[in-house]
Amino acid sequence: MLEIEISTECKLVIKPEKYHWILAFILSGDLEVDFCDNKRLKLIAGNYYTLNCLEFKREIRIDTSGQIMLIALTDKFMQQLLSPKIIEGISYHSSNIHLLAHGSFLNTRMQPILMDIMDDGKPDYIRRILIEAKILELLSMQLHQTNDDKTTDAFSEEDVKRLNEARQTVAANLQTPCSLIDLARRTGLNDFKLKKGFKALFGQTVFGYLNELRMETAYNYLQAGKTVGEVAELVGYKNAHHFTAAFKKKFSFLPSQVTRSNVNKPL
């Protein structure tokens, strides 16, 4: 975790000792990194970038104060985890650095995982186990994304923009969610591109994403002290019993237990 406080533009040089698979999460701030072929990659706050490289000696230009989370995994670790065939399919070729996947982590399954990693309220021996488990979960999402990127080749830049608009529309309408037909009409996508593209870009169906976001939002509301009935209404459930059943299916405990004992979400 890099927390950078600056008053003027500066440069940071990062040089790991050996080949790494690097997961970079830009929590805040504006920065650019030398990439390859004399190009610079602008790293945007709220986005993640997954890099595979022979060596990663890179100069990063930083314009403002900010926070970056970097997770570096060694080649030895990756080879123990994955088969040689998979490694060959995703690793570098002629370039010594390769951008495998990137996108927004905001309002996705990645965001609560990052929050869990940054939570230092647990004993060290528990925290280490938690961090290792969460990193593996993030890595699995990245591998899934690199596979899905092949599918998204069929979608134009305009399609991707509209799919992001669809996700934002879902997130902004938890109480009164759109039907798939309405969502397609609002974003100018046909039914096929909406369903296929949403799954390919974000790793979830439209309604899977809606349910995930409802449950995460509900948990936060409950921690803030709102009643189960209030929360059910806020996240779009007309029937509190239906909300309770969905919440228990997601977290394996009742919503009332969050307000009573501040129970933690399962890992």
Protein backbone atom coordinates (compact mmCIF):
# COMPACT_ATOMS: atom_id res chain seq x y z
CA MET A 1 0.00 0.00 0.00
CA LEU A 2 1.54 3.31 -1.12
CA GLU A 3 0.22 6.50 0.44
CA ILE A 4 1.73 9.50 -1.32
CA GLU A 5 1.58 13.10 -0.11
CA ILE A 6 3.15 15.69 -2.41
CA SER A 7 2.93 19.43 -3.03
CA THR A 8 4.34 19.41 -6.58
CA GLU A 9 4.61 16.88 -9.40
CA CYS A 10 7.18 14.16 -8.70
CA LYS A 11 8.46 10.85 -10.07
CA LEU A 12 8.58 7.46 -8.37
CA VAL A 13 10.71 4.57 -9.65
CA ILE A 14 9.50 1.04 -8.82
CA LYS A 15 11.94 -1.86 -9.39
CA PRO A 16 11.03 -5.32 -8.01
CA GLU A 17 13.85 -7.87 -7.88
CA LYS A 18 12.33 -10.38 -10.28
CA TYR A 19 9.42 -11.07 -12.64
CA HIS A 20 6.05 -10.38 -11.12
CA TRP A 21 2.37 -10.54 -11.82
CA ILE A 22 1.27 -7.12 -10.58
CA LEU A 23 -2.23 -6.08 -9.51
CA ALA A 24 -2.48 -2.30 -9.13
CA PHE A 25 -5.52 -0.62 -7.59
CA ILE A 26 -5.66 3.19 -7.85
CA LEU A 27 -7.57 4.28 -4.75
CA SER A 28 -7.05 8.03 -5.34
CA GLY A 29 -4.76 10.44 -7.17
CA ASP A 30 -3.63 11.12 -10.74
CA LEU A 31 -0.59 9.36 -12.15
CA GLU A 32 0.99 8.04 -15.33
CA VAL A 33 3.44 5.19 -15.90
CA ASP A 34 5.92 4.46 -18.69
CA PHE A 35 4.46 1.40 -20.34
CA CYS A 36 5.94 0.09 -23.56
CA ASP A 37 6.82 1.32 -27.07
CA ASN A 38 7.44 4.77 -25.60
CA LYS A 39 3.80 5.01 -24.52
CA ARG A 40 2.52 6.27 -21.19
CA LEU A 41 -0.44 4.71 -19.44
CA LYS A 42 -2.68 7.02 -17.42
CA LEU A 43 -3.80 5.33 -14.21
CA ILE A 44 -7.26 6.49 -13.19
CA ALA A 45 -8.59 6.57 -9.63
CA GLY A 46 -11.16 3.82 -9.08
CA ASN A 47 -9.58 1.53 -11.66
CA TYR A 48 -7.45 -1.61 -11.43
CA TYR A 49 -4.62 -2.67 -13.77
CA THR A 50 -3.22 -6.19 -14.04
CA LEU A 51 0.29 -6.43 -15.48
CA ASN A 52 2.48 -9.37 -16.43
CA CYS A 53 6.16 -8.56 -16.94
CA LEU A 54 9.70 -9.83 -17.35
CA GLU A 55 10.91 -6.88 -15.34
CA PHE A 56 9.03 -3.94 -13.90
CA LYS A 57 11.41 -1.06 -13.57
CA ARG A 58 9.04 1.79 -14.25
CA GLU A 59 8.97 5.51 -13.68
CA ILE A 60 5.63 6.75 -12.40
CA ARG A 61 4.75 10.43 -12.73
CA ILE A 62 2.52 11.58 -9.87
CA ASP A 63 0.50 14.80 -10.14
CA THR A 64 -1.43 14.78 -6.86
CA SER A 65 -1.40 13.09 -3.47
CA GLY A 66 -3.07 9.73 -3.49
CA GLN A 67 -3.19 6.07 -2.53
CA ILE A 68 -2.17 3.04 -4.57
CA MET A 69 -2.42 -0.61 -3.62
CA LEU A 70 0.15 -2.80 -5.39
CA ILE A 71 0.04 -6.59 -5.08
CA ALA A 72 3.11 -8.31 -6.58
CA LEU A 73 3.15 -12.08 -7.09
CA THR A 74 6.35 -13.91 -8.04
CA ASP A 75 6.76 -16.20 -11.02
CA LYS A 76 7.43 -19.13 -8.65
CA PHE A 77 4.13 -18.54 -6.84
CA MET A 78 2.20 -18.32 -10.13
CA GLN A 79 3.73 -21.56 -11.42
CA GLN A 80 2.78 -23.36 -8.21
CA LEU A 81 -0.75 -22.02 -8.50
CA LEU A 82 -1.43 -22.48 -12.21
CA SER A 83 -0.63 -25.05 -14.88
CA PRO A 84 2.15 -24.29 -17.41
CA LYS A 85 -0.47 -24.16 -20.20
CA ILE A 86 -2.40 -21.40 -18.45
CA ILE A 87 0.79 -19.49 -17.63
CA GLU A 88 1.85 -19.65 -21.29
CA GLY A 89 -1.54 -18.35 -22.40
CA ILE A 90 -1.51 -15.28 -20.19
CA SER A 91 2.18 -14.41 -19.81
CA TYR A 92 4.42 -12.01 -21.69
CA HIS A 93 5.62 -12.54 -25.25
CA SER A 94 7.83 -10.07 -27.12
CA SER A 95 7.23 -7.16 -24.78
CA ASN A 96 8.72 -7.15 -21.30
CA ILE A 97 5.45 -5.78 -19.88
CA HIS A 98 1.92 -6.68 -20.86
CA LEU A 99 -1.38 -5.16 -19.69
CA LEU A 100 -3.65 -8.15 -19.15
CA ALA A 101 -6.78 -6.56 -17.76
CA HIS A 102 -8.08 -3.25 -16.50
CA GLY A 103 -11.35 -1.63 -15.52
CA SER A 104 -13.25 -0.05 -12.66
CA PHE A 105 -13.39 -1.80 -9.28
CA LEU A 106 -16.01 0.62 -7.92
CA ASN A 107 -19.38 -0.99 -7.14
CA THR A 108 -18.01 -4.42 -8.06
CA ARG A 109 -17.14 -7.48 -5.96
CA MET A 110 -13.56 -6.21 -5.82
CA GLN A 111 -14.39 -3.13 -3.75
CA PRO A 112 -15.41 -4.88 -0.49
CA ILE A 113 -12.44 -7.26 -0.89
CA LEU A 114 -10.05 -4.28 -1.02
CA MET A 115 -11.73 -2.81 2.06
CA ASP A 116 -11.22 -6.11 3.90
CA ILE A 117 -7.51 -6.13 2.95
CA MET A 118 -7.07 -2.59 4.26
CA ASP A 119 -8.91 -3.32 7.50
CA ASP A 120 -6.22 -3.55 10.20
CA GLY A 121 -8.59 -4.19 13.09
CA LYS A 122 -7.80 -7.90 13.37
CA PRO A 123 -4.88 -9.70 15.11
CA ASP A 124 -1.80 -10.15 12.90
CA TYR A 125 -2.09 -13.94 12.55
CA ILE A 126 -5.73 -13.65 11.42
CA ARG A 127 -4.97 -10.66 9.21
CA ARG A 128 -2.27 -12.56 7.30
CA ILE A 129 -4.62 -15.45 6.52
CA LEU A 130 -7.36 -13.02 5.50
CA ILE A 131 -5.05 -11.05 3.19
CA GLU A 132 -3.75 -14.19 1.47
CA ALA A 133 -7.31 -15.45 0.92
CA LYS A 134 -8.47 -12.08 -0.42
CA ILE A 135 -5.50 -11.77 -2.78
CA LEU A 136 -6.31 -15.20 -4.24
CA GLU A 137 -9.91 -14.09 -4.68
CA LEU A 138 -8.79 -10.93 -6.52
CA LEU A 139 -6.42 -12.99 -8.66
CA SER A 140 -9.21 -15.37 -9.67
CA MET A 141 -11.27 -12.36 -10.78
CA GLN A 142 -8.34 -11.07 -12.83
CA LEU A 143 -7.89 -14.44 -14.54
CA HIS A 144 -11.59 -14.49 -15.29
CA GLN A 145 -11.32 -11.00 -16.72
CA THR A 146 -8.40 -11.89 -19.02
CA ASN A 147 -10.51 -14.71 -20.42
CA ASP A 148 -13.55 -12.48 -20.81
CA ASP A 149 -11.48 -9.84 -22.61
CA LYS A 150 -11.31 -12.25 -25.56
CA THR A 151 -15.11 -12.28 -25.62
CA THR A 152 -15.36 -8.48 -25.51
CA ASP A 153 -13.46 -8.16 -28.79
CA ALA A 154 -16.89 -8.46 -30.46
CA PHE A 155 -18.06 -5.28 -28.73
CA SER A 156 -17.19 -1.81 -29.98
CA GLU A 157 -15.87 1.03 -27.84
CA GLU A 158 -19.36 2.57 -27.94
CA ASP A 159 -20.89 -0.73 -26.76
CA VAL A 160 -18.48 -0.82 -23.79
CA LYS A 161 -19.38 2.78 -22.92
CA ARG A 162 -23.08 1.92 -22.96
CA LEU A 163 -22.51 -1.22 -20.87
CA ASN A 164 -20.80 0.94 -18.25
CA GLU A 165 -23.82 3.25 -18.37
CA ALA A 166 -26.04 0.21 -17.82
CA ARG A 167 -24.07 -0.76 -14.71
CA GLN A 168 -24.30 2.81 -13.37
CA THR A 169 -28.06 2.80 -14.03
CA VAL A 170 -28.47 -0.45 -12.07
CA ALA A 171 -26.46 0.97 -9.15
CA ALA A 172 -28.52 4.19 -9.12
CA ASN A 173 -31.88 2.38 -9.04
CA LEU A 174 -31.72 -0.20 -6.26
CA GLN A 175 -35.21 0.69 -4.98
CA THR A 176 -36.88 0.59 -8.38
CA PRO A 177 -34.69 -1.51 -10.69
CA CYS A 178 -35.22 -1.48 -14.44
CA SER A 179 -36.32 -4.54 -16.35
CA LEU A 180 -33.85 -5.82 -18.93
CA ILE A 181 -36.04 -4.36 -21.69
CA ASP A 182 -36.08 -0.92 -20.02
CA LEU A 183 -32.34 -1.05 -19.33
CA ALA A 184 -31.63 -1.95 -22.96
CA ARG A 185 -33.86 0.91 -24.12
CA ARG A 186 -32.20 3.42 -21.78
CA THR A 187 -28.70 2.53 -22.89
CA GLY A 188 -29.40 1.97 -26.58
CA LEU A 189 -28.23 -1.66 -26.51
CA ASN A 190 -30.03 -4.64 -27.92
CA ASP A 191 -30.99 -7.48 -25.60
CA PHE A 192 -28.12 -9.74 -26.72
CA LYS A 193 -25.38 -7.14 -26.26
CA LEU A 194 -26.75 -6.08 -22.88
CA LYS A 195 -26.83 -9.60 -21.41
CA LYS A 196 -23.73 -11.00 -23.13
CA GLY A 197 -21.66 -7.82 -22.78
CA PHE A 198 -22.57 -7.20 -19.12
CA LYS A 199 -21.52 -10.72 -18.17
CA ALA A 200 -18.29 -10.48 -20.18
CA LEU A 201 -17.24 -7.06 -18.86
CA PHE A 202 -18.28 -7.35 -15.23
CA GLY A 203 -18.28 -11.08 -14.53
CA GLN A 204 -21.94 -11.12 -13.47
CA THR A 205 -25.39 -11.04 -14.99
CA VAL A 206 -27.34 -7.80 -14.64
CA PHE A 207 -29.50 -9.26 -11.88
CA GLY A 208 -26.53 -10.95 -10.23
CA TYR A 209 -24.85 -7.54 -10.00
CA LEU A 210 -28.07 -5.95 -8.72
CA ASN A 211 -28.39 -8.57 -5.97
CA GLU A 212 -24.69 -8.26 -5.00
CA LEU A 213 -24.96 -4.49 -4.74
CA ARG A 214 -28.24 -4.66 -2.80
CA MET A 215 -26.75 -7.01 -0.22
CA GLU A 216 -23.51 -5.03 0.24
CA THR A 217 -25.51 -1.80 0.54
CA ALA A 218 -27.91 -3.45 2.99
CA TYR A 219 -25.03 -4.64 5.18
CA ASN A 220 -23.61 -1.11 5.35
CA TYR A 221 -27.02 0.34 6.24
CA LEU A 222 -27.47 -2.25 9.00
CA GLN A 223 -24.03 -1.45 10.43
CA ALA A 224 -25.06 2.21 10.46
CA GLY A 225 -27.97 1.32 12.76
CA LYS A 226 -30.98 1.25 10.44
CA THR A 227 -33.72 -1.28 11.13
CA VAL A 228 -34.29 -4.37 8.99
CA GLY A 229 -37.57 -2.92 7.70
CA GLU A 230 -35.93 0.38 6.74
CA VAL A 231 -33.07 -1.36 4.97
CA ALA A 232 -35.38 -3.73 3.07
CA GLU A 233 -37.23 -0.71 1.66
CA LEU A 234 -34.01 1.21 0.88
CA VAL A 235 -32.61 -1.61 -1.24
CA GLY A 236 -35.84 -2.29 -3.08
CA TYR A 237 -37.65 -5.09 -1.22
CA LYS A 238 -41.38 -4.61 -0.67
CA ASN A 239 -41.46 -7.59 1.68
CA ALA A 240 -39.02 -7.62 4.63
CA HIS A 241 -39.27 -11.44 4.84
CA HIS A 242 -38.05 -11.76 1.25
CA PHE A 243 -35.17 -9.40 2.06
CA THR A 244 -34.25 -11.42 5.17
CA ALA A 245 -34.19 -14.66 3.14
CA ALA A 246 -31.96 -13.11 0.44
CA PHE A 247 -29.61 -11.59 3.04
CA LYS A 248 -29.26 -14.89 4.92
CA LYS A 249 -28.55 -16.72 1.65
CA LYS A 250 -25.79 -14.23 0.87
CA PHE A 251 -24.11 -13.89 4.28
CA SER A 252 -25.28 -17.02 6.18
CA PHE A 253 -26.67 -14.98 9.06
CA LEU A 254 -29.78 -12.88 9.64
CA PRO A 255 -29.79 -9.11 9.04
CA SER A 256 -30.98 -8.59 12.61
CA GLN A 257 -27.71 -10.09 13.87
CA VAL A 258 -25.73 -7.24 12.27
CA THR A 259 -27.48 -4.55 14.31
CA ARG A 260 -27.57 -6.63 17.52
CA SER A 261 -23.98 -7.88 17.67
CA ASN A 262 -22.17 -6.17 14.78
CA VAL A 263 -21.28 -9.58 13.35
CA ASN A 264 -18.60 -9.55 10.67
CA LYS A 265 -19.21 -10.65 7.11
CA PRO A 266 -17.80 -14.10 6.34
CA LEU A 267 -14.44 -14.25 4.53
